[in-house]
Amino acid sequence: MKNFLVFTFITLSLTSCKQENTTKNTISEDQLIAKAREIHDKIITLDTHCDINVKNFTDSINYTQDLDVQVTLPKMKKGGLDVAWFIVYTGQDSLTTAGYKKAHEIAMSKFNAIHKLTKEIAPDQIELALTSEDARRIHKKGKKVAMIGIENGYPVGTDITNVKKFYDLGARYMSLSHNGHSQLCDSNTGEANGVWLHNGLSHLGKQVIEEMNKYGIMIDVSHPSKESMRQIIELTKAPIIASHSSARALCDHSRNLDDEQLQWLKENGGVVQTVAFTSYLNTEKFEKRNEKLLAIAKKIADSMGVTWLERKEVAKLSTEEKEKYYDFYMKMLSVRRAKVKKITDLPPAVDVADFVNHIDYVVKKIGIDHVGISSDFDGGGGIEGWSDASETFNVTLELVKRGYTEEEIEKLWSGNLLRVLDEVQKVATELRGS
């Protein structure tokens, strides 16, 4: 009897799979594209991580032009990217008064740049949103939406009042560290040598989390260490996010979240924004291609009169030196992208399919309500098929090809992240009220 039931189950399963495949095969490529286009145009697409360079926020050079960077207003319009979280990033430097002062100045210059874009340069095209309601209202008007995230809590320094200051300037998420341990918490980079500064959060870091909960700033765990993340979840009264991380089970990089971390995030009610960053998606493809790309990068650096530095060497630079090297690196990436388009014999690139593989994995692990999308554009992100904001539609197309519904795609692109923002701000209102 048991054998008969097993045989019957297998037969029905095979029949079901065959019917499903037949259905998929009856949909033409044009029909898939049309369906994806309809969904893409209807929903709000939101990218939680787009780095900026203040040099591109001036009266003469700015995002109204199709600059040679990955995110501009023309590129957002072409690709149908509705919401860009512009990032106030500062590289990690010494934990000194001078270091904190310089980091704060850099952070303020980036806040000012974003405000200049939305208030002076292109207020007719893009507005700053502080809530999910703002984002939806601005989108309905046909404008693009800017939101602000902070990558690295280093510019907080030792002054806890900076948390509210950054909130008042529009910051709606912040990570407590970047590459290197900050005064607030340990970084994922500690895995490389096993050296930790705080064994998780510092006392000041715990105070910052309380302030972030109080004012409604989402806590970002994409760069902090695993132990820091565990302690953050233990302490926070609101859901958290990983603003740009993928699945470690598919790509063993310390910037990705392992299955245990994903489960923590699910239980916390948060969301992981899978990131289109080649080395975090497919190690084998990345390494094979990167060997060739690295050689091209070094030649470009030489032609620009810049000494090529490895990551460990960059980490030792001062804040000003890092900013200068970062400027070169982004220019190099732009030049390299142009050169690569003319080369036909490179190993296959990490692409949109590799990216959506991570979305598939995390959805299966922790559910559709806890997964989102990010690019890390102009910060090293970008893959074949989603190399800049103008190609954003290709992600939606791949999701449609995988069988995701409109409701699920809406959650992935913006619904889940905005839901977490709503919950974080609700907690803040309750905390301030009490």
Protein backbone atom coordinates (compact mmCIF):
# COMPACT_ATOMS: atom_id res chain seq x y z
CA MET A 1 0.00 0.00 0.00
CA LYS A 2 2.85 2.39 0.95
CA ASN A 3 4.63 1.66 -2.36
CA PHE A 4 1.43 2.35 -4.29
CA LEU A 5 0.98 5.71 -2.53
CA VAL A 6 4.59 6.69 -3.20
CA PHE A 7 4.19 5.74 -6.87
CA THR A 8 0.96 7.73 -7.11
CA PHE A 9 2.58 10.80 -5.47
CA ILE A 10 5.56 10.70 -7.83
CA THR A 11 3.28 10.29 -10.85
CA LEU A 12 1.13 13.25 -9.81
CA SER A 13 4.21 15.35 -9.08
CA LEU A 14 5.73 14.64 -12.46
CA THR A 15 2.41 15.36 -14.16
CA SER A 16 2.12 18.64 -12.25
CA CYS A 17 5.67 19.70 -13.18
CA LYS A 18 5.04 18.80 -16.79
CA GLN A 19 1.86 20.88 -16.85
CA GLU A 20 3.66 23.82 -15.22
CA ASN A 21 6.51 23.66 -17.73
CA THR A 22 4.02 23.42 -20.60
CA THR A 23 2.29 26.55 -19.31
CA LYS A 24 5.60 28.43 -19.11
CA ASN A 25 6.54 27.28 -22.59
CA THR A 26 3.29 28.70 -24.00
CA ILE A 27 4.31 32.22 -22.92
CA SER A 28 6.49 33.91 -25.51
CA GLU A 29 9.45 36.13 -24.69
CA ASP A 30 7.50 39.15 -25.92
CA GLN A 31 4.60 38.29 -23.60
CA LEU A 32 6.98 37.92 -20.63
CA ILE A 33 8.53 41.29 -21.40
CA ALA A 34 5.09 42.92 -21.72
CA LYS A 35 3.98 41.41 -18.42
CA ALA A 36 7.18 42.51 -16.69
CA ARG A 37 6.87 46.01 -18.16
CA GLU A 38 3.29 46.35 -16.88
CA ILE A 39 4.36 45.33 -13.37
CA HIS A 40 7.51 47.45 -13.42
CA ASP A 41 5.60 50.58 -14.42
CA LYS A 42 2.90 50.01 -11.81
CA ILE A 43 4.93 49.36 -8.66
CA ILE A 44 7.43 51.50 -6.75
CA THR A 45 10.98 50.35 -7.38
CA LEU A 46 13.38 51.19 -4.58
CA ASP A 47 17.14 50.71 -4.29
CA THR A 48 18.47 51.01 -0.73
CA HIS A 49 22.10 51.72 -1.55
CA CYS A 50 23.42 54.29 -4.05
CA ASP A 51 26.71 55.97 -3.14
CA ILE A 52 27.39 59.57 -4.12
CA ASN A 53 30.29 61.89 -4.83
CA VAL A 54 29.68 65.50 -3.79
CA LYS A 55 31.52 66.65 -6.92
CA ASN A 56 28.44 65.59 -8.88
CA PHE A 57 26.08 67.84 -6.92
CA THR A 58 27.15 71.27 -8.12
CA ASP A 59 25.45 73.89 -10.26
CA SER A 60 27.51 72.88 -13.30
CA ILE A 61 27.88 69.10 -12.79
CA ASN A 62 24.91 67.28 -11.33
CA TYR A 63 22.39 64.44 -11.60
CA THR A 64 20.17 66.21 -14.14
CA GLN A 65 22.90 65.32 -16.64
CA ASP A 66 23.71 61.86 -17.91
CA LEU A 67 27.03 61.73 -16.09
CA ASP A 68 29.42 58.81 -16.35
CA VAL A 69 28.21 57.36 -13.06
CA GLN A 70 25.71 54.59 -12.36
CA VAL A 71 22.89 56.68 -10.92
CA THR A 72 21.59 59.94 -12.42
CA LEU A 73 18.07 61.23 -13.00
CA PRO A 74 18.18 60.36 -16.73
CA LYS A 75 19.31 56.81 -15.88
CA MET A 76 16.63 56.46 -13.19
CA LYS A 77 13.97 57.56 -15.67
CA LYS A 78 15.21 55.26 -18.42
CA GLY A 79 15.35 52.22 -16.16
CA GLY A 80 12.26 52.99 -14.12
CA LEU A 81 14.05 53.28 -10.78
CA ASP A 82 11.70 55.31 -8.59
CA VAL A 83 13.45 55.60 -5.21
CA ALA A 84 17.19 55.93 -4.63
CA TRP A 85 18.60 55.86 -1.13
CA PHE A 86 21.60 58.17 -1.42
CA ILE A 87 24.37 57.25 0.98
CA VAL A 88 26.22 59.42 3.45
CA TYR A 89 29.39 57.33 3.59
CA THR A 90 32.63 57.92 5.45
CA GLY A 91 35.58 55.54 5.42
CA GLN A 92 36.91 54.29 8.72
CA ASP A 93 39.84 56.20 10.22
CA SER A 94 41.41 56.63 13.67
CA LEU A 95 39.20 56.66 16.74
CA THR A 96 40.37 60.12 17.74
CA THR A 97 38.84 63.57 18.11
CA ALA A 98 40.51 64.64 14.87
CA GLY A 99 39.23 61.54 13.07
CA TYR A 100 35.66 62.08 14.26
CA LYS A 101 35.79 65.77 13.30
CA LYS A 102 36.93 65.03 9.76
CA ALA A 103 34.35 62.25 9.36
CA HIS A 104 31.60 64.58 10.53
CA GLU A 105 32.65 67.19 7.97
CA ILE A 106 32.55 64.61 5.17
CA ALA A 107 29.13 63.39 6.32
CA MET A 108 27.76 66.93 6.40
CA SER A 109 29.07 67.61 2.88
CA LYS A 110 27.10 64.61 1.62
CA PHE A 111 23.93 65.56 3.49
CA ASN A 112 24.25 69.05 1.99
CA ALA A 113 24.76 67.61 -1.52
CA ILE A 114 21.57 65.55 -1.33
CA HIS A 115 19.59 68.52 -0.05
CA LYS A 116 21.03 70.70 -2.79
CA LEU A 117 19.86 68.19 -5.42
CA THR A 118 16.31 68.03 -4.09
CA LYS A 119 15.88 71.70 -3.11
CA GLU A 120 17.97 73.69 -5.62
CA ILE A 121 19.23 71.64 -8.56
CA ALA A 122 16.18 69.57 -9.53
CA PRO A 123 13.21 70.05 -7.16
CA ASP A 124 10.94 69.65 -10.19
CA GLN A 125 12.30 66.14 -10.79
CA ILE A 126 13.16 64.67 -7.38
CA GLU A 127 12.10 65.22 -3.76
CA LEU A 128 13.40 64.01 -0.43
CA ALA A 129 11.18 61.53 1.42
CA LEU A 130 11.28 61.02 5.17
CA THR A 131 8.48 58.44 5.45
CA SER A 132 6.87 55.75 3.33
CA GLU A 133 3.90 58.07 2.92
CA ASP A 134 6.22 60.74 1.52
CA ALA A 135 7.72 58.25 -0.93
CA ARG A 136 4.30 57.19 -2.23
CA ARG A 137 3.05 60.78 -2.45
CA ILE A 138 6.09 61.96 -4.41
CA HIS A 139 5.91 58.93 -6.70
CA LYS A 140 2.28 59.65 -7.49
CA LYS A 141 3.30 63.13 -8.65
CA GLY A 142 5.58 61.54 -11.23
CA LYS A 143 8.80 62.61 -9.53
CA LYS A 144 11.75 60.54 -8.45
CA VAL A 145 12.29 59.99 -4.73
CA ALA A 146 15.48 60.52 -2.73
CA MET A 147 15.98 58.97 0.69
CA ILE A 148 19.08 59.03 2.88
CA GLY A 149 21.06 56.26 4.54
CA ILE A 150 24.30 56.52 6.52
CA GLU A 151 27.03 53.98 5.88
CA ASN A 152 29.25 53.90 8.97
CA GLY A 153 28.29 55.49 12.28
CA TYR A 154 31.85 56.82 12.59
CA PRO A 155 30.81 60.50 12.05
CA VAL A 156 28.62 60.29 15.17
CA GLY A 157 31.93 60.52 17.04
CA THR A 158 31.35 60.42 20.77
CA ASP A 159 28.50 62.93 20.69
CA ILE A 160 25.22 61.04 21.04
CA THR A 161 23.23 64.12 19.98
CA ASN A 162 24.52 63.61 16.44
CA VAL A 163 22.00 60.77 16.04
CA LYS A 164 19.09 63.21 16.24
CA LYS A 165 21.02 65.73 14.16
CA PHE A 166 21.38 63.17 11.37
CA TYR A 167 17.72 62.19 11.74
CA ASP A 168 16.69 65.83 11.37
CA LEU A 169 18.80 66.01 8.20
CA GLY A 170 16.81 63.12 6.75
CA ALA A 171 18.77 59.98 7.62
CA ARG A 172 16.44 57.00 7.90
CA TYR A 173 18.96 54.21 8.28
CA MET A 174 22.50 53.89 9.59
CA SER A 175 25.08 51.13 9.94
CA LEU A 176 27.27 51.31 13.04
CA SER A 177 30.46 50.39 11.19
CA HIS A 178 31.99 49.94 7.75
CA ASN A 179 35.30 48.30 6.77
CA GLY A 180 37.11 48.43 10.09
CA HIS A 181 35.95 48.58 13.69
CA SER A 182 34.33 51.87 14.66
CA GLN A 183 33.83 53.38 18.09
CA LEU A 184 30.32 51.88 18.03
CA CYS A 185 30.79 48.24 17.03
CA ASP A 186 33.00 45.62 15.41
CA SER A 187 33.03 45.24 11.63
CA ASN A 188 32.69 42.10 9.55
CA THR A 189 36.31 42.72 8.48
CA GLY A 190 37.46 41.35 11.84
CA GLU A 191 36.88 37.86 10.45
CA ALA A 192 40.04 38.18 8.37
CA ASN A 193 42.39 38.20 11.36
CA GLY A 194 40.14 37.35 14.31
CA VAL A 195 40.94 40.67 15.98
CA TRP A 196 37.98 42.40 17.60
CA LEU A 197 37.76 45.74 19.37
CA HIS A 198 34.51 45.43 21.32
CA ASN A 199 33.45 41.80 20.92
CA GLY A 200 30.27 43.16 19.38
CA LEU A 201 28.87 46.51 20.46
CA SER A 202 30.63 49.15 22.50
CA HIS A 203 28.84 50.89 25.37
CA LEU A 204 28.46 53.95 23.14
CA GLY A 205 27.12 51.73 20.35
CA LYS A 206 24.38 50.48 22.64
CA GLN A 207 23.42 54.07 23.44
CA VAL A 208 23.32 54.89 19.72
CA ILE A 209 20.94 52.00 19.09
CA GLU A 210 18.61 53.33 21.78
CA GLU A 211 18.72 56.77 20.13
CA MET A 212 18.06 55.29 16.70
CA ASN A 213 15.03 53.45 18.10
CA LYS A 214 13.87 56.65 19.78
CA TYR A 215 13.96 58.77 16.62
CA GLY A 216 13.02 56.23 13.97
CA ILE A 217 16.27 55.42 12.18
CA MET A 218 16.49 51.86 10.85
CA ILE A 219 19.55 49.94 12.07
CA ASP A 220 21.59 48.54 9.19
CA VAL A 221 23.62 45.36 9.84
CA SER A 222 25.29 44.94 6.44
CA HIS A 223 28.80 45.83 7.67
CA PRO A 224 28.82 45.05 11.41
CA SER A 225 30.18 41.69 12.58
CA LYS A 226 27.94 38.70 13.24
CA GLU A 227 28.30 39.16 17.00
CA SER A 228 27.46 42.85 16.62
CA MET A 229 24.32 41.86 14.72
CA ARG A 230 23.34 39.37 17.42
CA GLN A 231 23.70 42.01 20.13
CA ILE A 232 21.87 44.61 18.02
CA ILE A 233 18.87 42.31 17.64
CA GLU A 234 18.95 41.55 21.35
CA LEU A 235 18.86 45.25 22.20
CA THR A 236 16.70 46.89 19.54
CA LYS A 237 12.99 47.45 20.04
CA ALA A 238 12.35 47.76 16.30
CA PRO A 239 12.98 45.69 13.15
CA ILE A 240 16.37 46.03 11.47
CA ILE A 241 17.62 45.90 7.87
CA ALA A 242 20.67 44.67 6.01
CA SER A 243 20.82 47.43 3.40
CA HIS A 244 23.10 45.63 0.95
CA SER A 245 23.97 41.99 1.70
CA SER A 246 23.30 38.64 0.05
CA ALA A 247 23.24 34.96 1.07
CA ARG A 248 26.43 33.49 2.49
CA ALA A 249 25.27 29.97 1.71
CA LEU A 250 25.61 30.80 -2.00
CA CYS A 251 28.72 33.00 -1.73
CA ASP A 252 30.97 32.69 1.32
CA HIS A 253 31.83 36.32 1.95
CA SER A 254 31.78 37.97 5.37
CA ARG A 255 29.61 40.75 3.97
CA ASN A 256 26.83 38.24 3.34
CA LEU A 257 24.45 36.80 5.94
CA ASP A 258 24.60 33.13 6.86
CA ASP A 259 21.49 31.05 7.47
CA GLU A 260 21.54 31.71 11.22
CA GLN A 261 21.71 35.47 10.65
CA LEU A 262 18.87 35.26 8.13
CA GLN A 263 16.76 33.46 10.72
CA TRP A 264 17.57 36.13 13.32
CA LEU A 265 16.48 38.78 10.87
CA LYS A 266 13.22 36.97 10.12
CA GLU A 267 12.39 36.60 13.82
CA ASN A 268 13.18 40.29 14.30
CA GLY A 269 10.74 41.19 11.50
CA GLY A 270 13.40 42.88 9.39
CA VAL A 271 14.47 42.70 5.76
CA VAL A 272 17.66 41.83 3.89
CA GLN A 273 18.23 43.87 0.73
CA THR A 274 20.07 41.45 -1.57
CA VAL A 275 22.85 43.31 -3.33
CA ALA A 276 24.01 43.32 -6.95
CA PHE A 277 27.70 43.22 -6.08
CA THR A 278 29.69 40.73 -8.13
CA SER A 279 32.01 39.35 -5.45
CA TYR A 280 29.08 38.78 -3.08
CA LEU A 281 27.06 36.75 -5.60
CA ASN A 282 29.11 34.09 -7.39
CA THR A 283 32.67 33.45 -6.21
CA GLU A 284 33.71 31.18 -9.08
CA LYS A 285 32.48 33.46 -11.86
CA PHE A 286 33.78 36.55 -10.09
CA GLU A 287 37.30 35.20 -9.57
CA LYS A 288 37.71 33.92 -13.12
CA ARG A 289 36.61 37.19 -14.66
CA ASN A 290 38.22 39.41 -12.03
CA GLU A 291 41.68 38.11 -12.87
CA LYS A 292 41.30 39.70 -16.30
CA LEU A 293 39.49 42.80 -15.00
CA LEU A 294 42.17 43.43 -12.39
CA ALA A 295 44.86 43.50 -15.06
CA ILE A 296 42.80 46.07 -17.01
CA ALA A 297 42.25 48.14 -13.85
CA LYS A 298 45.97 48.28 -13.10
CA LYS A 299 46.73 49.46 -16.63
CA ILE A 300 44.10 52.19 -16.31
CA ALA A 301 45.55 53.22 -12.94
CA ASP A 302 49.02 53.42 -14.49
CA SER A 303 47.71 55.55 -17.35
CA MET A 304 46.11 57.89 -14.81
CA GLY A 305 49.34 58.16 -12.84
CA VAL A 306 47.86 56.40 -9.79
CA THR A 307 49.56 53.65 -7.79
CA TRP A 308 47.21 50.66 -7.57
CA LEU A 309 46.42 49.68 -3.98
CA GLU A 310 45.06 46.45 -2.57
CA ARG A 311 42.14 46.58 -0.11
CA LYS A 312 44.40 46.17 2.92
CA GLU A 313 46.53 49.08 1.75
CA VAL A 314 43.47 51.29 1.21
CA ALA A 315 42.31 50.52 4.77
CA LYS A 316 45.53 52.08 6.12
CA LEU A 317 44.96 55.42 4.36
CA SER A 318 43.73 58.52 6.15
CA THR A 319 40.15 59.66 5.58
CA GLU A 320 41.24 62.28 3.02
CA GLU A 321 43.50 59.79 1.22
CA LYS A 322 40.66 57.25 1.11
CA GLU A 323 38.30 59.81 -0.39
CA LYS A 324 40.89 60.70 -3.03
CA TYR A 325 41.56 57.06 -3.87
CA TYR A 326 37.83 56.36 -3.95
CA ASP A 327 37.39 59.16 -6.52
CA PHE A 328 40.06 57.54 -8.70
CA TYR A 329 38.53 54.09 -8.25
CA MET A 330 35.08 55.17 -9.43
CA LYS A 331 36.59 56.91 -12.48
CA MET A 332 38.59 53.76 -13.20
CA LEU A 333 35.44 51.61 -13.02
CA SER A 334 33.73 53.86 -15.55
CA VAL A 335 36.67 53.67 -17.96
CA ARG A 336 36.93 49.91 -17.47
CA ARG A 337 33.23 49.36 -18.16
CA ALA A 338 33.67 51.11 -21.51
CA LYS A 339 36.75 49.02 -22.37
CA VAL A 340 35.13 45.73 -21.34
CA LYS A 341 32.23 46.29 -23.75
CA LYS A 342 34.71 45.99 -26.62
CA ILE A 343 36.35 42.78 -25.34
CA THR A 344 34.72 39.53 -26.53
CA ASP A 345 36.84 36.80 -24.91
CA LEU A 346 36.39 37.55 -21.20
CA PRO A 347 35.03 34.80 -18.88
CA PRO A 348 31.25 35.09 -18.23
CA ALA A 349 30.21 37.95 -15.98
CA VAL A 350 28.19 37.71 -12.79
CA ASP A 351 24.72 38.65 -14.02
CA VAL A 352 21.09 39.28 -13.12
CA ALA A 353 20.40 35.55 -12.98
CA ASP A 354 23.12 35.12 -10.31
CA PHE A 355 21.60 38.02 -8.41
CA VAL A 356 18.07 36.62 -8.47
CA ASN A 357 19.45 33.24 -7.37
CA HIS A 358 20.19 34.95 -4.05
CA ILE A 359 16.70 36.42 -3.92
CA ASP A 360 15.28 32.93 -4.56
CA TYR A 361 17.42 31.42 -1.82
CA VAL A 362 16.58 34.00 0.83
CA VAL A 363 12.87 33.93 -0.05
CA LYS A 364 12.83 30.17 0.42
CA LYS A 365 14.76 30.44 3.68
CA ILE A 366 12.90 33.22 5.47
CA GLY A 367 9.91 34.16 3.32
CA ILE A 368 8.96 36.77 0.76
CA ASP A 369 8.19 39.38 3.45
CA HIS A 370 11.83 39.69 4.51
CA VAL A 371 13.66 40.22 1.22
CA GLY A 372 14.43 43.35 -0.80
CA ILE A 373 16.72 44.72 -3.51
CA SER A 374 19.82 46.95 -3.59
CA SER A 375 22.60 47.73 -6.05
CA ASP A 376 25.50 49.47 -4.26
CA PHE A 377 25.79 51.55 -7.43
CA ASP A 378 28.68 54.01 -7.48
CA GLY A 379 30.14 52.08 -4.55
CA GLY A 380 31.42 49.04 -6.43
CA GLY A 381 28.07 47.42 -7.24
CA GLY A 382 26.69 46.55 -10.65
CA ILE A 383 26.36 43.29 -12.58
CA GLU A 384 25.81 42.20 -16.16
CA GLY A 385 22.25 43.25 -17.00
CA TRP A 386 21.99 45.71 -14.09
CA SER A 387 25.15 47.71 -14.57
CA ASP A 388 23.48 51.03 -13.77
CA ALA A 389 20.06 52.50 -12.98
CA SER A 390 19.07 52.57 -16.66
CA GLU A 391 18.89 48.74 -16.66
CA THR A 392 16.68 48.40 -13.58
CA PHE A 393 13.84 46.82 -15.60
CA ASN A 394 15.97 43.72 -16.21
CA VAL A 395 15.66 42.71 -12.56
CA THR A 396 11.87 42.81 -12.76
CA LEU A 397 11.99 40.83 -16.00
CA GLU A 398 14.09 38.09 -14.38
CA LEU A 399 11.70 37.95 -11.42
CA VAL A 400 8.75 37.52 -13.80
CA LYS A 401 10.63 34.77 -15.63
CA ARG A 402 11.10 32.99 -12.29
CA GLY A 403 7.36 33.06 -11.67
CA TYR A 404 7.10 35.81 -9.04
CA THR A 405 3.69 37.47 -8.93
CA GLU A 406 3.03 41.20 -9.08
CA GLU A 407 2.32 41.25 -5.33
CA GLU A 408 5.59 39.45 -4.58
CA ILE A 409 7.61 41.69 -6.89
CA GLU A 410 6.11 44.78 -5.26
CA LYS A 411 7.20 43.48 -1.86
CA LEU A 412 10.71 42.78 -3.08
CA TRP A 413 11.15 46.14 -4.81
CA SER A 414 9.77 48.39 -2.07
CA GLY A 415 6.93 47.01 0.02
CA ASN A 416 9.02 45.14 2.56
CA LEU A 417 11.52 47.93 3.13
CA LEU A 418 8.82 50.58 3.50
CA ARG A 419 6.92 48.30 5.87
CA VAL A 420 10.01 48.08 8.11
CA LEU A 421 10.44 51.86 7.96
CA ASP A 422 6.81 52.28 9.05
CA GLU A 423 7.30 49.89 11.97
CA VAL A 424 10.54 51.55 13.06
CA GLN A 425 8.89 54.97 13.02
CA LYS A 426 5.88 53.62 14.93
CA VAL A 427 8.18 52.29 17.65
CA ALA A 428 9.92 55.67 17.79
CA THR A 429 6.62 57.49 18.29
CA GLU A 430 5.70 55.12 21.10
CA LEU A 431 9.10 55.48 22.77
CA ARG A 432 9.06 59.26 22.62
CA GLY A 433 5.48 59.27 23.89
CA SER A 434 6.41 57.18 26.90
